[in-house]
Amino acid sequence: GLPAREAGVAAQQKAAEECTNSLEELREGFGNLKNGLQVQSLQRLEECRRRHQMLTHQLLQVVSAMEDFATASGAARRNAQLEAHLEARLARLEEDVHAPASARARLEELWVVLRTLLQRGPPSGGATRLADGEAEKTLKLTASQGELLESLQEEIARRKRDIAQFE
């Protein structure tokens, strides 16, 4: 009767606890495995990026050597007009790469303002509360500025790669 049912309930509770413990161990193991794989993937990705950069540089050297050889052997002639056009494009790229420095200065300025506000604390009349609409508008503006900065950083990185390839 009753003692047998109590023993059955106790056995089920023990089995449930064991299952819960096993589940936690599996989750922890899975998390460790996932983290390990992420680290390996990031390392491999970085190695691939370095190899790509090295191969791109080597390719550029080979192409340059071929052009020099073709010019020296008379198989190819220089086109001054095309060279001038390419140099102008390179100059525009360099200008574009250096132009977002003002965006970086603005970002640093905003960080200084933020730090100053955080150090000063709330205004002397007490903390003012933003209305929900104003808070939402501020959050959207901040998010869009963050997206803009990220896109600027990506554009700068892309253009630096372009310049490195031109060199």
C-alpha atoms as a PDB file:
ATOM      1  CA  GLY A   1       0.000   0.000   0.000  1.00  0.00           C
ATOM      2  CA  LEU A   2       1.084   3.377   1.212  1.00  0.00           C
ATOM      3  CA  PRO A   3       4.771   2.620   1.964  1.00  0.00           C
ATOM      4  CA  ALA A   4       5.166   1.119  -1.521  1.00  0.00           C
ATOM      5  CA  ARG A   5       3.613   4.204  -3.138  1.00  0.00           C
ATOM      6  CA  GLU A   6       5.834   6.504  -1.042  1.00  0.00           C
ATOM      7  CA  ALA A   7       8.855   4.477  -2.125  1.00  0.00           C
ATOM      8  CA  GLY A   8       7.696   4.753  -5.761  1.00  0.00           C
ATOM      9  CA  VAL A   9       7.234   8.512  -5.449  1.00  0.00           C
ATOM     10  CA  ALA A  10      10.666   8.837  -3.821  1.00  0.00           C
ATOM     11  CA  ALA A  11      12.211   6.765  -6.629  1.00  0.00           C
ATOM     12  CA  GLN A  12      10.514   8.958  -9.235  1.00  0.00           C
ATOM     13  CA  GLN A  13      11.711  12.129  -7.502  1.00  0.00           C
ATOM     14  CA  LYS A  14      15.238  10.743  -7.350  1.00  0.00           C
ATOM     15  CA  ALA A  15      15.066   9.813 -11.050  1.00  0.00           C
ATOM     16  CA  ALA A  16      13.734  13.305 -11.887  1.00  0.00           C
ATOM     17  CA  GLU A  17      16.599  14.923  -9.929  1.00  0.00           C
ATOM     18  CA  GLU A  18      19.124  12.719 -11.711  1.00  0.00           C
ATOM     19  CA  CYS A  19      17.604  13.680 -15.057  1.00  0.00           C
ATOM     20  CA  THR A  20      17.733  17.362 -14.095  1.00  0.00           C
ATOM     21  CA  ASN A  21      21.368  17.027 -13.012  1.00  0.00           C
ATOM     22  CA  SER A  22      22.214  15.188 -16.234  1.00  0.00           C
ATOM     23  CA  LEU A  23      20.448  17.897 -18.238  1.00  0.00           C
ATOM     24  CA  GLU A  24      22.455  20.625 -16.484  1.00  0.00           C
ATOM     25  CA  GLU A  25      25.691  18.725 -17.126  1.00  0.00           C
ATOM     26  CA  LEU A  26      24.738  18.359 -20.789  1.00  0.00           C
ATOM     27  CA  ARG A  27      23.900  22.051 -21.057  1.00  0.00           C
ATOM     28  CA  GLU A  28      27.198  23.001 -19.447  1.00  0.00           C
ATOM     29  CA  GLY A  29      29.096  20.608 -21.710  1.00  0.00           C
ATOM     30  CA  PHE A  30      27.262  21.927 -24.755  1.00  0.00           C
ATOM     31  CA  GLY A  31      28.082  25.503 -23.748  1.00  0.00           C
ATOM     32  CA  ASN A  32      31.752  24.616 -23.317  1.00  0.00           C
ATOM     33  CA  LEU A  33      31.790  22.810 -26.657  1.00  0.00           C
ATOM     34  CA  LYS A  34      30.080  25.738 -28.371  1.00  0.00           C
ATOM     35  CA  ASN A  35      32.558  28.213 -26.875  1.00  0.00           C
ATOM     36  CA  GLY A  36      35.477  26.019 -27.917  1.00  0.00           C
ATOM     37  CA  LEU A  37      34.153  25.807 -31.463  1.00  0.00           C
ATOM     38  CA  GLN A  38      33.649  29.563 -31.603  1.00  0.00           C
ATOM     39  CA  VAL A  39      37.227  30.162 -30.500  1.00  0.00           C
ATOM     40  CA  GLN A  40      38.508  27.697 -33.102  1.00  0.00           C
ATOM     41  CA  SER A  41      36.321  29.255 -35.785  1.00  0.00           C
ATOM     42  CA  LEU A  42      37.532  32.752 -34.945  1.00  0.00           C
ATOM     43  CA  GLN A  43      41.139  31.577 -35.032  1.00  0.00           C
ATOM     44  CA  ARG A  44      40.607  29.910 -38.395  1.00  0.00           C
ATOM     45  CA  LEU A  45      38.820  32.982 -39.713  1.00  0.00           C
ATOM     46  CA  GLU A  46      41.695  35.200 -38.616  1.00  0.00           C
ATOM     47  CA  GLU A  47      44.188  32.832 -40.240  1.00  0.00           C
ATOM     48  CA  CYS A  48      42.142  32.890 -43.462  1.00  0.00           C
ATOM     49  CA  ARG A  49      42.046  36.675 -43.369  1.00  0.00           C
ATOM     50  CA  ARG A  50      45.830  36.822 -42.957  1.00  0.00           C
ATOM     51  CA  ARG A  51      46.355  34.321 -45.777  1.00  0.00           C
ATOM     52  CA  HIS A  52      43.981  36.248 -48.022  1.00  0.00           C
ATOM     53  CA  GLN A  53      45.822  39.472 -47.332  1.00  0.00           C
ATOM     54  CA  MET A  54      49.188  37.815 -47.995  1.00  0.00           C
ATOM     55  CA  LEU A  55      47.951  36.213 -51.232  1.00  0.00           C
ATOM     56  CA  THR A  56      46.419  39.488 -52.382  1.00  0.00           C
ATOM     57  CA  HIS A  57      49.726  41.225 -51.756  1.00  0.00           C
ATOM     58  CA  GLN A  58      51.619  38.507 -53.643  1.00  0.00           C
ATOM     59  CA  LEU A  59      49.162  38.705 -56.528  1.00  0.00           C
ATOM     60  CA  LEU A  60      49.645  42.443 -56.717  1.00  0.00           C
ATOM     61  CA  GLN A  61      53.424  41.957 -56.806  1.00  0.00           C
ATOM     62  CA  VAL A  62      53.120  39.354 -59.589  1.00  0.00           C
ATOM     63  CA  VAL A  63      50.827  41.571 -61.656  1.00  0.00           C
ATOM     64  CA  SER A  64      53.162  44.515 -61.159  1.00  0.00           C
ATOM     65  CA  ALA A  65      56.179  42.429 -62.188  1.00  0.00           C
ATOM     66  CA  MET A  66      54.307  41.211 -65.277  1.00  0.00           C
ATOM     67  CA  GLU A  67      53.410  44.772 -66.227  1.00  0.00           C
ATOM     68  CA  ASP A  68      57.018  45.881 -65.778  1.00  0.00           C
ATOM     69  CA  PHE A  69      58.268  42.963 -67.882  1.00  0.00           C
ATOM     70  CA  ALA A  70      55.676  43.583 -70.595  1.00  0.00           C
ATOM     71  CA  THR A  71      56.609  47.255 -70.709  1.00  0.00           C
ATOM     72  CA  ALA A  72      60.344  46.531 -70.722  1.00  0.00           C
ATOM     73  CA  SER A  73      60.059  43.913 -73.478  1.00  0.00           C
ATOM     74  CA  GLY A  74      57.881  46.151 -75.617  1.00  0.00           C
ATOM     75  CA  ALA A  75      54.880  43.811 -75.469  1.00  0.00           C
ATOM     76  CA  ALA A  76      52.840  46.552 -73.816  1.00  0.00           C
ATOM     77  CA  ARG A  77      52.889  50.336 -73.819  1.00  0.00           C
ATOM     78  CA  ARG A  78      51.957  52.755 -71.093  1.00  0.00           C
ATOM     79  CA  ASN A  79      48.707  54.652 -71.510  1.00  0.00           C
ATOM     80  CA  ALA A  80      49.264  58.036 -69.867  1.00  0.00           C
ATOM     81  CA  GLN A  81      45.583  58.975 -70.063  1.00  0.00           C
ATOM     82  CA  LEU A  82      44.462  55.776 -68.322  1.00  0.00           C
ATOM     83  CA  GLU A  83      47.208  56.133 -65.710  1.00  0.00           C
ATOM     84  CA  ALA A  84      46.066  59.694 -64.969  1.00  0.00           C
ATOM     85  CA  HIS A  85      42.481  58.471 -64.615  1.00  0.00           C
ATOM     86  CA  LEU A  86      43.547  55.711 -62.201  1.00  0.00           C
ATOM     87  CA  GLU A  87      45.664  58.136 -60.187  1.00  0.00           C
ATOM     88  CA  ALA A  88      42.687  60.494 -59.905  1.00  0.00           C
ATOM     89  CA  ARG A  89      40.502  57.617 -58.681  1.00  0.00           C
ATOM     90  CA  LEU A  90      43.153  56.671 -56.129  1.00  0.00           C
ATOM     91  CA  ALA A  91      43.335  60.277 -54.930  1.00  0.00           C
ATOM     92  CA  ARG A  92      39.530  60.352 -54.492  1.00  0.00           C
ATOM     93  CA  LEU A  93      39.670  57.091 -52.544  1.00  0.00           C
ATOM     94  CA  GLU A  94      42.363  58.480 -50.274  1.00  0.00           C
ATOM     95  CA  GLU A  95      40.295  61.621 -49.679  1.00  0.00           C
ATOM     96  CA  ASP A  96      37.263  59.505 -48.850  1.00  0.00           C
ATOM     97  CA  VAL A  97      39.257  57.388 -46.425  1.00  0.00           C
ATOM     98  CA  HIS A  98      40.543  60.437 -44.605  1.00  0.00           C
ATOM     99  CA  ALA A  99      37.223  62.320 -44.609  1.00  0.00           C
ATOM    100  CA  PRO A 100      35.451  60.272 -41.893  1.00  0.00           C
ATOM    101  CA  ALA A 101      38.034  61.457 -39.395  1.00  0.00           C
ATOM    102  CA  SER A 102      35.521  64.189 -38.602  1.00  0.00           C
ATOM    103  CA  ALA A 103      33.008  61.474 -37.705  1.00  0.00           C
ATOM    104  CA  ARG A 104      35.552  59.931 -35.346  1.00  0.00           C
ATOM    105  CA  ALA A 105      36.181  63.337 -33.771  1.00  0.00           C
ATOM    106  CA  ARG A 106      32.423  63.770 -33.318  1.00  0.00           C
ATOM    107  CA  LEU A 107      32.186  60.343 -31.701  1.00  0.00           C
ATOM    108  CA  GLU A 108      34.996  61.189 -29.295  1.00  0.00           C
ATOM    109  CA  GLU A 109      33.301  64.492 -28.511  1.00  0.00           C
ATOM    110  CA  LEU A 110      30.053  62.675 -27.710  1.00  0.00           C
ATOM    111  CA  TRP A 111      31.923  60.267 -25.417  1.00  0.00           C
ATOM    112  CA  VAL A 112      33.445  63.217 -23.534  1.00  0.00           C
ATOM    113  CA  VAL A 113      30.009  64.809 -23.141  1.00  0.00           C
ATOM    114  CA  LEU A 114      28.569  61.510 -21.922  1.00  0.00           C
ATOM    115  CA  ARG A 115      31.356  61.024 -19.373  1.00  0.00           C
ATOM    116  CA  THR A 116      30.926  64.595 -18.152  1.00  0.00           C
ATOM    117  CA  LEU A 117      27.196  64.123 -17.720  1.00  0.00           C
ATOM    118  CA  LEU A 118      27.715  60.850 -15.873  1.00  0.00           C
ATOM    119  CA  GLN A 119      30.273  62.431 -13.538  1.00  0.00           C
ATOM    120  CA  ARG A 120      28.073  65.435 -12.781  1.00  0.00           C
ATOM    121  CA  GLY A 121      25.088  63.322 -11.906  1.00  0.00           C
ATOM    122  CA  PRO A 122      21.477  64.495 -12.047  1.00  0.00           C
ATOM    123  CA  PRO A 123      20.641  68.215 -12.251  1.00  0.00           C
ATOM    124  CA  SER A 124      20.416  70.186  -8.989  1.00  0.00           C
ATOM    125  CA  GLY A 125      16.631  70.367  -9.153  1.00  0.00           C
ATOM    126  CA  GLY A 126      16.460  66.576  -9.132  1.00  0.00           C
ATOM    127  CA  ALA A 127      16.511  64.090 -11.942  1.00  0.00           C
ATOM    128  CA  THR A 128      14.264  65.032 -14.803  1.00  0.00           C
ATOM    129  CA  ARG A 129      12.335  62.224 -16.371  1.00  0.00           C
ATOM    130  CA  LEU A 130      11.945  61.924 -20.103  1.00  0.00           C
ATOM    131  CA  ALA A 131       8.490  61.303 -21.393  1.00  0.00           C
ATOM    132  CA  ASP A 132       8.075  57.853 -22.929  1.00  0.00           C
ATOM    133  CA  GLY A 133       7.823  59.368 -26.406  1.00  0.00           C
ATOM    134  CA  GLU A 134      10.981  61.413 -25.902  1.00  0.00           C
ATOM    135  CA  ALA A 135      12.809  58.398 -24.514  1.00  0.00           C
ATOM    136  CA  GLU A 136      11.754  56.270 -27.484  1.00  0.00           C
ATOM    137  CA  LYS A 137      12.782  59.036 -29.897  1.00  0.00           C
ATOM    138  CA  THR A 138      16.156  59.351 -28.148  1.00  0.00           C
ATOM    139  CA  LEU A 139      16.721  55.590 -28.288  1.00  0.00           C
ATOM    140  CA  LYS A 140      15.889  55.498 -32.004  1.00  0.00           C
ATOM    141  CA  LEU A 141      18.233  58.421 -32.687  1.00  0.00           C
ATOM    142  CA  THR A 142      21.015  56.780 -30.698  1.00  0.00           C
ATOM    143  CA  ALA A 143      20.489  53.486 -32.522  1.00  0.00           C
ATOM    144  CA  SER A 144      20.587  55.191 -35.912  1.00  0.00           C
ATOM    145  CA  GLN A 145      23.780  57.049 -34.951  1.00  0.00           C
ATOM    146  CA  GLY A 146      25.312  53.746 -33.854  1.00  0.00           C
ATOM    147  CA  GLU A 147      24.354  52.159 -37.166  1.00  0.00           C
ATOM    148  CA  LEU A 148      25.821  55.134 -39.012  1.00  0.00           C
ATOM    149  CA  LEU A 149      29.086  54.839 -37.108  1.00  0.00           C
ATOM    150  CA  GLU A 150      29.248  51.102 -37.788  1.00  0.00           C
ATOM    151  CA  SER A 151      28.637  51.650 -41.488  1.00  0.00           C
ATOM    152  CA  LEU A 152      31.322  54.365 -41.533  1.00  0.00           C
ATOM    153  CA  GLN A 153      33.786  52.002 -39.875  1.00  0.00           C
ATOM    154  CA  GLU A 154      32.967  49.266 -42.390  1.00  0.00           C
ATOM    155  CA  GLU A 155      33.356  51.734 -45.264  1.00  0.00           C
ATOM    156  CA  ILE A 156      36.703  52.917 -43.914  1.00  0.00           C
ATOM    157  CA  ALA A 157      37.926  49.336 -43.567  1.00  0.00           C
ATOM    158  CA  ARG A 158      36.776  48.524 -47.107  1.00  0.00           C
ATOM    159  CA  ARG A 159      38.472  51.592 -48.557  1.00  0.00           C
ATOM    160  CA  LYS A 160      41.682  50.906 -46.652  1.00  0.00           C
ATOM    161  CA  ARG A 161      41.689  47.437 -48.204  1.00  0.00           C
ATOM    162  CA  ASP A 162      41.164  49.032 -51.624  1.00  0.00           C
ATOM    163  CA  ILE A 163      44.075  51.389 -51.052  1.00  0.00           C
ATOM    164  CA  ALA A 164      46.262  48.531 -49.851  1.00  0.00           C
ATOM    165  CA  GLN A 165      45.461  46.692 -53.064  1.00  0.00           C
ATOM    166  CA  PHE A 166      46.323  49.744 -55.162  1.00  0.00           C
ATOM    167  CA  GLU A 167      49.669  50.015 -53.392  1.00  0.00           C
END
